[in-house]
Amino acid sequence: MMQAFIYTLAFLTRLPIPGLLLQEHENQATVATALLWYPLVGALIAAILILVCLSLPASCTPLLAAAIVVSLQCWLTGALHLDGLADSIDAWMGGHADPDKTLAIMKDPAAGPMAVVGLCCILLLKVAALAALWPDATAALFAALVLSRASVIPLFLSSPYVRAGGVGEAMSAKLNRSLAIAVCIATLLALSWLPSSLFLGSLLVGALVFLYWRHLWQGRIGGFTGDVAGGMIELTETSVLLVFALGGNYA
């Protein structure tokens, strides 16, 4: 389990992880168990961002502070999920309802204009939401990063992974369903301290993003890929931040 946590930390962040064995990337049991650590890694990323928030000087304007936090998050995560969202947008727009063409475009590393526009919109919304919450953005960051990473677990539980040979194939094939459900419940309990309106609002928005995003890709390719999962993480994270920004300032 500890090796799986280390693997997840290395996979989802750019943090230097000493002693990570490269062959563990080929260990299907480790990769499958790694999915269960996604919410905790999201919490660790949130903790780093919150520490940065608390260390910024009082003279820092809300807009600048929000831009710093979002930029740092992009670096910490290697823009991994943003890349997934960009590939998903390109594939959806260029695939023209053809599953094979959709998957081929999704695998192409080039980013089209719609992907660029989509990423700009997501980043603008994140910065605007955090600026609106500033300086009380800590609870929003924690909820958004934890809930968004947890959202991929029900995706793996309810949809087939359609990209043969991908990291997600091992996660899907070897996932312990009982443990996965337990992690989802534990995540909800970890967020239950939030004000009830924000807690329920975040869950509602997260559920809507999950159901709609899953529906789109189930209809197009019969399941999902790693890029689809990454795109859902970004959409969920941004949506939760907007719930907090529109719901008031809470910390």
C-alpha atoms as a PDB file:
ATOM      1  CA  MET A   1       0.000   0.000   0.000  1.00  0.00           C
ATOM      2  CA  MET A   2       2.805   2.418   0.829  1.00  0.00           C
ATOM      3  CA  GLN A   3       4.449   1.763  -2.524  1.00  0.00           C
ATOM      4  CA  ALA A   4       1.129   2.530  -4.179  1.00  0.00           C
ATOM      5  CA  PHE A   5       0.906   5.836  -2.308  1.00  0.00           C
ATOM      6  CA  ILE A   6       4.448   6.763  -3.399  1.00  0.00           C
ATOM      7  CA  TYR A   7       3.592   5.811  -6.968  1.00  0.00           C
ATOM      8  CA  THR A   8       0.456   7.977  -6.852  1.00  0.00           C
ATOM      9  CA  LEU A   9       2.392  10.920  -5.462  1.00  0.00           C
ATOM     10  CA  ALA A  10       4.960  10.591  -8.233  1.00  0.00           C
ATOM     11  CA  PHE A  11       2.289  10.168 -10.901  1.00  0.00           C
ATOM     12  CA  LEU A  12       0.060  13.074  -9.878  1.00  0.00           C
ATOM     13  CA  THR A  13       2.720  15.601  -8.844  1.00  0.00           C
ATOM     14  CA  ARG A  14       6.181  16.874  -9.727  1.00  0.00           C
ATOM     15  CA  LEU A  15       7.384  16.477  -6.148  1.00  0.00           C
ATOM     16  CA  PRO A  16      10.773  14.721  -5.950  1.00  0.00           C
ATOM     17  CA  ILE A  17      10.108  11.187  -4.731  1.00  0.00           C
ATOM     18  CA  PRO A  18      13.379   9.440  -3.782  1.00  0.00           C
ATOM     19  CA  GLY A  19      13.611   5.704  -4.080  1.00  0.00           C
ATOM     20  CA  LEU A  20      10.698   5.185  -6.428  1.00  0.00           C
ATOM     21  CA  LEU A  21      11.324   1.944  -8.286  1.00  0.00           C
ATOM     22  CA  LEU A  22      10.720   2.339 -11.991  1.00  0.00           C
ATOM     23  CA  GLN A  23       9.546  -1.252 -12.316  1.00  0.00           C
ATOM     24  CA  GLU A  24       6.617  -0.445 -10.032  1.00  0.00           C
ATOM     25  CA  HIS A  25       5.098   1.364 -12.992  1.00  0.00           C
ATOM     26  CA  GLU A  26       4.628  -2.087 -14.505  1.00  0.00           C
ATOM     27  CA  ASN A  27       3.239  -3.658 -11.324  1.00  0.00           C
ATOM     28  CA  GLN A  28      -0.503  -3.841 -11.962  1.00  0.00           C
ATOM     29  CA  ALA A  29      -1.374  -4.359  -8.292  1.00  0.00           C
ATOM     30  CA  THR A  30       0.493  -1.184  -7.336  1.00  0.00           C
ATOM     31  CA  VAL A  31      -1.065   0.826 -10.154  1.00  0.00           C
ATOM     32  CA  ALA A  32      -4.576  -0.386  -9.320  1.00  0.00           C
ATOM     33  CA  THR A  33      -4.194   0.405  -5.611  1.00  0.00           C
ATOM     34  CA  ALA A  34      -2.796   3.833  -6.521  1.00  0.00           C
ATOM     35  CA  LEU A  35      -6.268   5.009  -7.516  1.00  0.00           C
ATOM     36  CA  LEU A  36      -7.388   4.692  -3.889  1.00  0.00           C
ATOM     37  CA  TRP A  37      -4.818   7.312  -2.861  1.00  0.00           C
ATOM     38  CA  TYR A  38      -6.033  10.005  -5.262  1.00  0.00           C
ATOM     39  CA  PRO A  39      -8.099  11.939  -2.666  1.00  0.00           C
ATOM     40  CA  LEU A  40      -5.223  11.969  -0.162  1.00  0.00           C
ATOM     41  CA  VAL A  41      -2.774  13.232  -2.764  1.00  0.00           C
ATOM     42  CA  GLY A  42      -5.335  15.908  -3.627  1.00  0.00           C
ATOM     43  CA  ALA A  43      -5.376  16.877   0.056  1.00  0.00           C
ATOM     44  CA  LEU A  44      -1.575  17.104   0.106  1.00  0.00           C
ATOM     45  CA  ILE A  45      -1.548  19.354  -2.955  1.00  0.00           C
ATOM     46  CA  ALA A  46      -4.219  21.496  -1.295  1.00  0.00           C
ATOM     47  CA  ALA A  47      -2.123  21.699   1.891  1.00  0.00           C
ATOM     48  CA  ILE A  48       0.854  23.015  -0.069  1.00  0.00           C
ATOM     49  CA  LEU A  49      -1.297  25.613  -1.820  1.00  0.00           C
ATOM     50  CA  ILE A  50      -2.896  26.645   1.483  1.00  0.00           C
ATOM     51  CA  LEU A  51       0.545  27.136   3.042  1.00  0.00           C
ATOM     52  CA  VAL A  52       1.441  29.383   0.126  1.00  0.00           C
ATOM     53  CA  CYS A  53      -1.790  31.330   0.631  1.00  0.00           C
ATOM     54  CA  LEU A  54      -0.989  31.855   4.303  1.00  0.00           C
ATOM     55  CA  SER A  55       2.566  32.957   3.532  1.00  0.00           C
ATOM     56  CA  LEU A  56       1.668  35.638   1.010  1.00  0.00           C
ATOM     57  CA  PRO A  57       2.045  39.203   2.321  1.00  0.00           C
ATOM     58  CA  ALA A  58      -1.018  41.262   3.170  1.00  0.00           C
ATOM     59  CA  SER A  59      -0.070  43.661   0.384  1.00  0.00           C
ATOM     60  CA  CYS A  60      -0.708  40.929  -2.218  1.00  0.00           C
ATOM     61  CA  THR A  61      -3.855  41.743  -4.158  1.00  0.00           C
ATOM     62  CA  PRO A  62      -6.551  39.044  -4.515  1.00  0.00           C
ATOM     63  CA  LEU A  63      -5.984  38.743  -8.260  1.00  0.00           C
ATOM     64  CA  LEU A  64      -2.222  38.355  -7.896  1.00  0.00           C
ATOM     65  CA  ALA A  65      -2.617  35.879  -5.050  1.00  0.00           C
ATOM     66  CA  ALA A  66      -5.063  33.777  -7.064  1.00  0.00           C
ATOM     67  CA  ALA A  67      -2.771  33.814 -10.098  1.00  0.00           C
ATOM     68  CA  ILE A  68       0.168  32.680  -7.942  1.00  0.00           C
ATOM     69  CA  VAL A  69      -1.825  29.809  -6.431  1.00  0.00           C
ATOM     70  CA  VAL A  70      -3.175  28.583  -9.785  1.00  0.00           C
ATOM     71  CA  SER A  71       0.270  28.851 -11.409  1.00  0.00           C
ATOM     72  CA  LEU A  72       1.858  26.913  -8.561  1.00  0.00           C
ATOM     73  CA  GLN A  73      -0.789  24.222  -8.850  1.00  0.00           C
ATOM     74  CA  CYS A  74      -0.063  23.881 -12.572  1.00  0.00           C
ATOM     75  CA  TRP A  75       3.612  23.366 -11.754  1.00  0.00           C
ATOM     76  CA  LEU A  76       2.958  20.974  -8.849  1.00  0.00           C
ATOM     77  CA  THR A  77       0.745  18.754 -10.988  1.00  0.00           C
ATOM     78  CA  GLY A  78       2.701  19.117 -14.212  1.00  0.00           C
ATOM     79  CA  ALA A  79      -0.589  20.322 -15.746  1.00  0.00           C
ATOM     80  CA  LEU A  80      -1.439  16.610 -16.000  1.00  0.00           C
ATOM     81  CA  HIS A  81      -5.214  16.964 -15.810  1.00  0.00           C
ATOM     82  CA  LEU A  82      -5.237  20.137 -17.887  1.00  0.00           C
ATOM     83  CA  ASP A  83      -3.563  18.109 -20.614  1.00  0.00           C
ATOM     84  CA  GLY A  84      -6.323  15.516 -20.284  1.00  0.00           C
ATOM     85  CA  LEU A  85      -8.993  18.195 -20.585  1.00  0.00           C
ATOM     86  CA  ALA A  86      -7.314  19.684 -23.670  1.00  0.00           C
ATOM     87  CA  ASP A  87      -7.080  16.288 -25.360  1.00  0.00           C
ATOM     88  CA  SER A  88     -10.714  15.552 -24.491  1.00  0.00           C
ATOM     89  CA  ILE A  89     -11.913  18.845 -25.980  1.00  0.00           C
ATOM     90  CA  ASP A  90      -9.936  18.311 -29.185  1.00  0.00           C
ATOM     91  CA  ALA A  91     -11.154  14.721 -29.500  1.00  0.00           C
ATOM     92  CA  TRP A  92     -14.780  15.625 -28.864  1.00  0.00           C
ATOM     93  CA  MET A  93     -14.787  18.477 -31.367  1.00  0.00           C
ATOM     94  CA  GLY A  94     -12.734  16.758 -34.059  1.00  0.00           C
ATOM     95  CA  GLY A  95     -14.021  13.216 -33.654  1.00  0.00           C
ATOM     96  CA  HIS A  96     -17.389  13.955 -35.300  1.00  0.00           C
ATOM     97  CA  ALA A  97     -19.154  11.101 -33.467  1.00  0.00           C
ATOM     98  CA  ASP A  98     -16.609   8.570 -34.782  1.00  0.00           C
ATOM     99  CA  PRO A  99     -15.190   6.564 -31.826  1.00  0.00           C
ATOM    100  CA  ASP A 100     -11.979   5.524 -33.611  1.00  0.00           C
ATOM    101  CA  LYS A 101     -11.274   9.041 -34.862  1.00  0.00           C
ATOM    102  CA  THR A 102     -12.055  10.433 -31.398  1.00  0.00           C
ATOM    103  CA  LEU A 103      -9.532   8.105 -29.742  1.00  0.00           C
ATOM    104  CA  ALA A 104      -6.914   8.852 -32.404  1.00  0.00           C
ATOM    105  CA  ILE A 105      -7.234  12.613 -31.917  1.00  0.00           C
ATOM    106  CA  MET A 106      -7.145  12.187 -28.153  1.00  0.00           C
ATOM    107  CA  LYS A 107      -3.774  10.454 -28.444  1.00  0.00           C
ATOM    108  CA  ASP A 108      -2.320  13.241 -30.613  1.00  0.00           C
ATOM    109  CA  PRO A 109      -0.159  15.527 -28.402  1.00  0.00           C
ATOM    110  CA  ALA A 110      -0.941  18.601 -30.527  1.00  0.00           C
ATOM    111  CA  ALA A 111      -3.497  21.058 -29.112  1.00  0.00           C
ATOM    112  CA  GLY A 112      -6.091  22.630 -31.375  1.00  0.00           C
ATOM    113  CA  PRO A 113      -7.695  26.057 -30.972  1.00  0.00           C
ATOM    114  CA  MET A 114     -10.720  24.744 -29.069  1.00  0.00           C
ATOM    115  CA  ALA A 115      -8.464  23.025 -26.549  1.00  0.00           C
ATOM    116  CA  VAL A 116      -6.525  26.254 -26.013  1.00  0.00           C
ATOM    117  CA  VAL A 117      -9.746  28.227 -25.552  1.00  0.00           C
ATOM    118  CA  GLY A 118     -11.059  25.606 -23.122  1.00  0.00           C
ATOM    119  CA  LEU A 119      -7.901  25.710 -21.007  1.00  0.00           C
ATOM    120  CA  CYS A 120      -7.947  29.517 -20.943  1.00  0.00           C
ATOM    121  CA  CYS A 121     -11.560  29.478 -19.745  1.00  0.00           C
ATOM    122  CA  ILE A 122     -10.839  26.937 -17.001  1.00  0.00           C
ATOM    123  CA  LEU A 123      -7.798  28.842 -15.744  1.00  0.00           C
ATOM    124  CA  LEU A 124      -9.657  32.161 -15.839  1.00  0.00           C
ATOM    125  CA  LEU A 125     -12.531  30.685 -13.831  1.00  0.00           C
ATOM    126  CA  LYS A 126     -10.136  29.261 -11.238  1.00  0.00           C
ATOM    127  CA  VAL A 127      -8.296  32.545 -10.822  1.00  0.00           C
ATOM    128  CA  ALA A 128     -11.548  34.535 -10.661  1.00  0.00           C
ATOM    129  CA  ALA A 129     -13.072  32.169  -8.077  1.00  0.00           C
ATOM    130  CA  LEU A 130     -10.007  32.243  -5.827  1.00  0.00           C
ATOM    131  CA  ALA A 131      -9.730  36.020  -6.160  1.00  0.00           C
ATOM    132  CA  ALA A 132     -13.390  36.342  -5.119  1.00  0.00           C
ATOM    133  CA  LEU A 133     -12.733  34.165  -2.066  1.00  0.00           C
ATOM    134  CA  TRP A 134      -9.458  35.795  -1.055  1.00  0.00           C
ATOM    135  CA  PRO A 135      -8.164  35.703   1.661  1.00  0.00           C
ATOM    136  CA  ASP A 136     -10.552  32.932   2.797  1.00  0.00           C
ATOM    137  CA  ALA A 137      -9.800  30.377   0.095  1.00  0.00           C
ATOM    138  CA  THR A 138      -8.447  27.543   2.250  1.00  0.00           C
ATOM    139  CA  ALA A 139     -11.659  25.509   2.595  1.00  0.00           C
ATOM    140  CA  ALA A 140     -12.448  25.932  -1.094  1.00  0.00           C
ATOM    141  CA  LEU A 141      -9.013  24.676  -2.133  1.00  0.00           C
ATOM    142  CA  PHE A 142      -9.241  21.663   0.154  1.00  0.00           C
ATOM    143  CA  ALA A 143     -12.753  20.702  -0.981  1.00  0.00           C
ATOM    144  CA  ALA A 144     -12.057  21.256  -4.681  1.00  0.00           C
ATOM    145  CA  LEU A 145      -8.820  19.287  -4.833  1.00  0.00           C
ATOM    146  CA  VAL A 146     -10.013  16.385  -2.686  1.00  0.00           C
ATOM    147  CA  LEU A 147     -13.453  15.968  -4.248  1.00  0.00           C
ATOM    148  CA  SER A 148     -12.160  16.278  -7.816  1.00  0.00           C
ATOM    149  CA  ARG A 149      -9.525  13.561  -7.307  1.00  0.00           C
ATOM    150  CA  ALA A 150     -12.056  11.332  -5.592  1.00  0.00           C
ATOM    151  CA  SER A 151     -14.473  11.715  -8.512  1.00  0.00           C
ATOM    152  CA  VAL A 152     -12.422   9.432 -10.740  1.00  0.00           C
ATOM    153  CA  ILE A 153     -13.050   6.461  -8.428  1.00  0.00           C
ATOM    154  CA  PRO A 154     -16.776   6.144  -9.282  1.00  0.00           C
ATOM    155  CA  LEU A 155     -15.812   6.645 -12.931  1.00  0.00           C
ATOM    156  CA  PHE A 156     -13.610   3.561 -12.756  1.00  0.00           C
ATOM    157  CA  LEU A 157     -16.325   1.701 -10.866  1.00  0.00           C
ATOM    158  CA  SER A 158     -19.087   2.477 -13.343  1.00  0.00           C
ATOM    159  CA  SER A 159     -17.468   2.706 -16.791  1.00  0.00           C
ATOM    160  CA  PRO A 160     -15.129   0.559 -18.883  1.00  0.00           C
ATOM    161  CA  TYR A 161     -11.631   1.811 -19.639  1.00  0.00           C
ATOM    162  CA  VAL A 162     -11.291   1.685 -23.422  1.00  0.00           C
ATOM    163  CA  ARG A 163      -7.614   2.468 -24.082  1.00  0.00           C
ATOM    164  CA  ALA A 164      -5.670  -0.806 -24.207  1.00  0.00           C
ATOM    165  CA  GLY A 165      -2.253  -0.680 -22.571  1.00  0.00           C
ATOM    166  CA  GLY A 166      -2.816   2.554 -20.656  1.00  0.00           C
ATOM    167  CA  VAL A 167      -2.158   3.039 -16.947  1.00  0.00           C
ATOM    168  CA  GLY A 168      -5.908   3.162 -16.441  1.00  0.00           C
ATOM    169  CA  GLU A 169      -6.305  -0.360 -17.806  1.00  0.00           C
ATOM    170  CA  ALA A 170      -4.519  -1.828 -14.781  1.00  0.00           C
ATOM    171  CA  MET A 171      -6.455   0.467 -12.439  1.00  0.00           C
ATOM    172  CA  SER A 172      -9.739  -0.701 -13.928  1.00  0.00           C
ATOM    173  CA  ALA A 173      -8.905  -4.409 -14.099  1.00  0.00           C
ATOM    174  CA  LYS A 174      -7.422  -4.798 -10.616  1.00  0.00           C
ATOM    175  CA  LEU A 175      -9.415  -2.237  -8.639  1.00  0.00           C
ATOM    176  CA  ASN A 176     -10.737  -3.504  -5.307  1.00  0.00           C
ATOM    177  CA  ARG A 177     -14.345  -2.339  -5.479  1.00  0.00           C
ATOM    178  CA  SER A 178     -15.012  -2.631  -1.746  1.00  0.00           C
ATOM    179  CA  LEU A 179     -11.979  -0.519  -0.870  1.00  0.00           C
ATOM    180  CA  ALA A 180     -12.868   1.968  -3.604  1.00  0.00           C
ATOM    181  CA  ILE A 181     -16.358   2.471  -2.165  1.00  0.00           C
ATOM    182  CA  ALA A 182     -14.875   2.805   1.329  1.00  0.00           C
ATOM    183  CA  VAL A 183     -12.498   5.528   0.092  1.00  0.00           C
ATOM    184  CA  CYS A 184     -15.421   7.431  -1.455  1.00  0.00           C
ATOM    185  CA  ILE A 185     -17.314   7.296   1.839  1.00  0.00           C
ATOM    186  CA  ALA A 186     -14.214   8.365   3.780  1.00  0.00           C
ATOM    187  CA  THR A 187     -13.789  11.312   1.408  1.00  0.00           C
ATOM    188  CA  LEU A 188     -17.336  12.480   2.075  1.00  0.00           C
ATOM    189  CA  LEU A 189     -16.756  12.204   5.824  1.00  0.00           C
ATOM    190  CA  ALA A 190     -13.522  14.202   5.462  1.00  0.00           C
ATOM    191  CA  LEU A 191     -15.501  17.015   3.830  1.00  0.00           C
ATOM    192  CA  SER A 192     -18.512  16.899   6.158  1.00  0.00           C
ATOM    193  CA  TRP A 193     -17.079  19.647   8.390  1.00  0.00           C
ATOM    194  CA  LEU A 194     -17.824  22.188   5.673  1.00  0.00           C
ATOM    195  CA  PRO A 195     -20.864  24.456   6.045  1.00  0.00           C
ATOM    196  CA  SER A 196     -23.835  22.336   4.980  1.00  0.00           C
ATOM    197  CA  SER A 197     -24.807  24.563   2.041  1.00  0.00           C
ATOM    198  CA  LEU A 198     -21.298  24.420   0.587  1.00  0.00           C
ATOM    199  CA  PHE A 199     -20.922  20.712   1.318  1.00  0.00           C
ATOM    200  CA  LEU A 200     -24.205  19.826  -0.376  1.00  0.00           C
ATOM    201  CA  GLY A 201     -23.602  22.320  -3.187  1.00  0.00           C
ATOM    202  CA  SER A 202     -20.179  20.830  -3.898  1.00  0.00           C
ATOM    203  CA  LEU A 203     -21.585  17.303  -3.930  1.00  0.00           C
ATOM    204  CA  LEU A 204     -24.432  18.317  -6.226  1.00  0.00           C
ATOM    205  CA  VAL A 205     -22.143  20.075  -8.672  1.00  0.00           C
ATOM    206  CA  GLY A 206     -19.650  17.219  -8.558  1.00  0.00           C
ATOM    207  CA  ALA A 207     -22.430  14.712  -9.242  1.00  0.00           C
ATOM    208  CA  LEU A 208     -23.751  16.749 -12.172  1.00  0.00           C
ATOM    209  CA  VAL A 209     -20.286  17.048 -13.733  1.00  0.00           C
ATOM    210  CA  PHE A 210     -19.713  13.320 -13.236  1.00  0.00           C
ATOM    211  CA  LEU A 211     -23.045  12.253 -14.734  1.00  0.00           C
ATOM    212  CA  TYR A 212     -22.873  14.600 -17.718  1.00  0.00           C
ATOM    213  CA  TRP A 213     -19.195  13.956 -18.533  1.00  0.00           C
ATOM    214  CA  ARG A 214     -19.649  10.191 -18.175  1.00  0.00           C
ATOM    215  CA  HIS A 215     -22.773  10.316 -20.363  1.00  0.00           C
ATOM    216  CA  LEU A 216     -20.953  12.185 -23.137  1.00  0.00           C
ATOM    217  CA  TRP A 217     -18.072   9.753 -23.351  1.00  0.00           C
ATOM    218  CA  GLN A 218     -20.140   6.630 -22.788  1.00  0.00           C
ATOM    219  CA  GLY A 219     -22.141   7.618 -25.834  1.00  0.00           C
ATOM    220  CA  ARG A 220     -19.103   8.527 -27.937  1.00  0.00           C
ATOM    221  CA  ILE A 221     -16.489   5.849 -27.144  1.00  0.00           C
ATOM    222  CA  GLY A 222     -18.336   3.410 -24.895  1.00  0.00           C
ATOM    223  CA  GLY A 223     -16.351   4.268 -21.787  1.00  0.00           C
ATOM    224  CA  PHE A 224     -13.463   6.531 -20.846  1.00  0.00           C
ATOM    225  CA  THR A 225      -9.714   7.035 -21.099  1.00  0.00           C
ATOM    226  CA  GLY A 226      -7.104   8.642 -18.849  1.00  0.00           C
ATOM    227  CA  ASP A 227      -7.618  11.937 -20.673  1.00  0.00           C
ATOM    228  CA  VAL A 228     -11.360  11.786 -20.003  1.00  0.00           C
ATOM    229  CA  ALA A 229     -10.660  11.137 -16.314  1.00  0.00           C
ATOM    230  CA  GLY A 230      -8.221  14.050 -16.205  1.00  0.00           C
ATOM    231  CA  GLY A 231     -10.731  16.318 -17.884  1.00  0.00           C
ATOM    232  CA  MET A 232     -13.358  15.402 -15.316  1.00  0.00           C
ATOM    233  CA  ILE A 233     -10.963  16.223 -12.479  1.00  0.00           C
ATOM    234  CA  GLU A 234     -10.415  19.706 -13.903  1.00  0.00           C
ATOM    235  CA  LEU A 235     -14.106  20.353 -14.493  1.00  0.00           C
ATOM    236  CA  THR A 236     -15.055  19.136 -11.015  1.00  0.00           C
ATOM    237  CA  GLU A 237     -12.323  21.145  -9.312  1.00  0.00           C
ATOM    238  CA  THR A 238     -13.320  24.336 -11.109  1.00  0.00           C
ATOM    239  CA  SER A 239     -17.023  23.766 -10.432  1.00  0.00           C
ATOM    240  CA  VAL A 240     -16.439  23.309  -6.695  1.00  0.00           C
ATOM    241  CA  LEU A 241     -14.360  26.493  -6.544  1.00  0.00           C
ATOM    242  CA  LEU A 242     -17.247  28.324  -8.233  1.00  0.00           C
ATOM    243  CA  VAL A 243     -19.711  26.918  -5.668  1.00  0.00           C
ATOM    244  CA  PHE A 244     -17.603  28.426  -2.887  1.00  0.00           C
ATOM    245  CA  ALA A 245     -17.093  31.727  -4.718  1.00  0.00           C
ATOM    246  CA  LEU A 246     -20.787  32.134  -5.442  1.00  0.00           C
ATOM    247  CA  GLY A 247     -21.840  30.808  -2.047  1.00  0.00           C
ATOM    248  CA  GLY A 248     -19.834  33.278   0.023  1.00  0.00           C
ATOM    249  CA  ASN A 249     -16.491  33.504   1.768  1.00  0.00           C
ATOM    250  CA  TYR A 250     -15.763  30.580   4.075  1.00  0.00           C
ATOM    251  CA  ALA A 251     -12.449  29.361   5.481  1.00  0.00           C
END
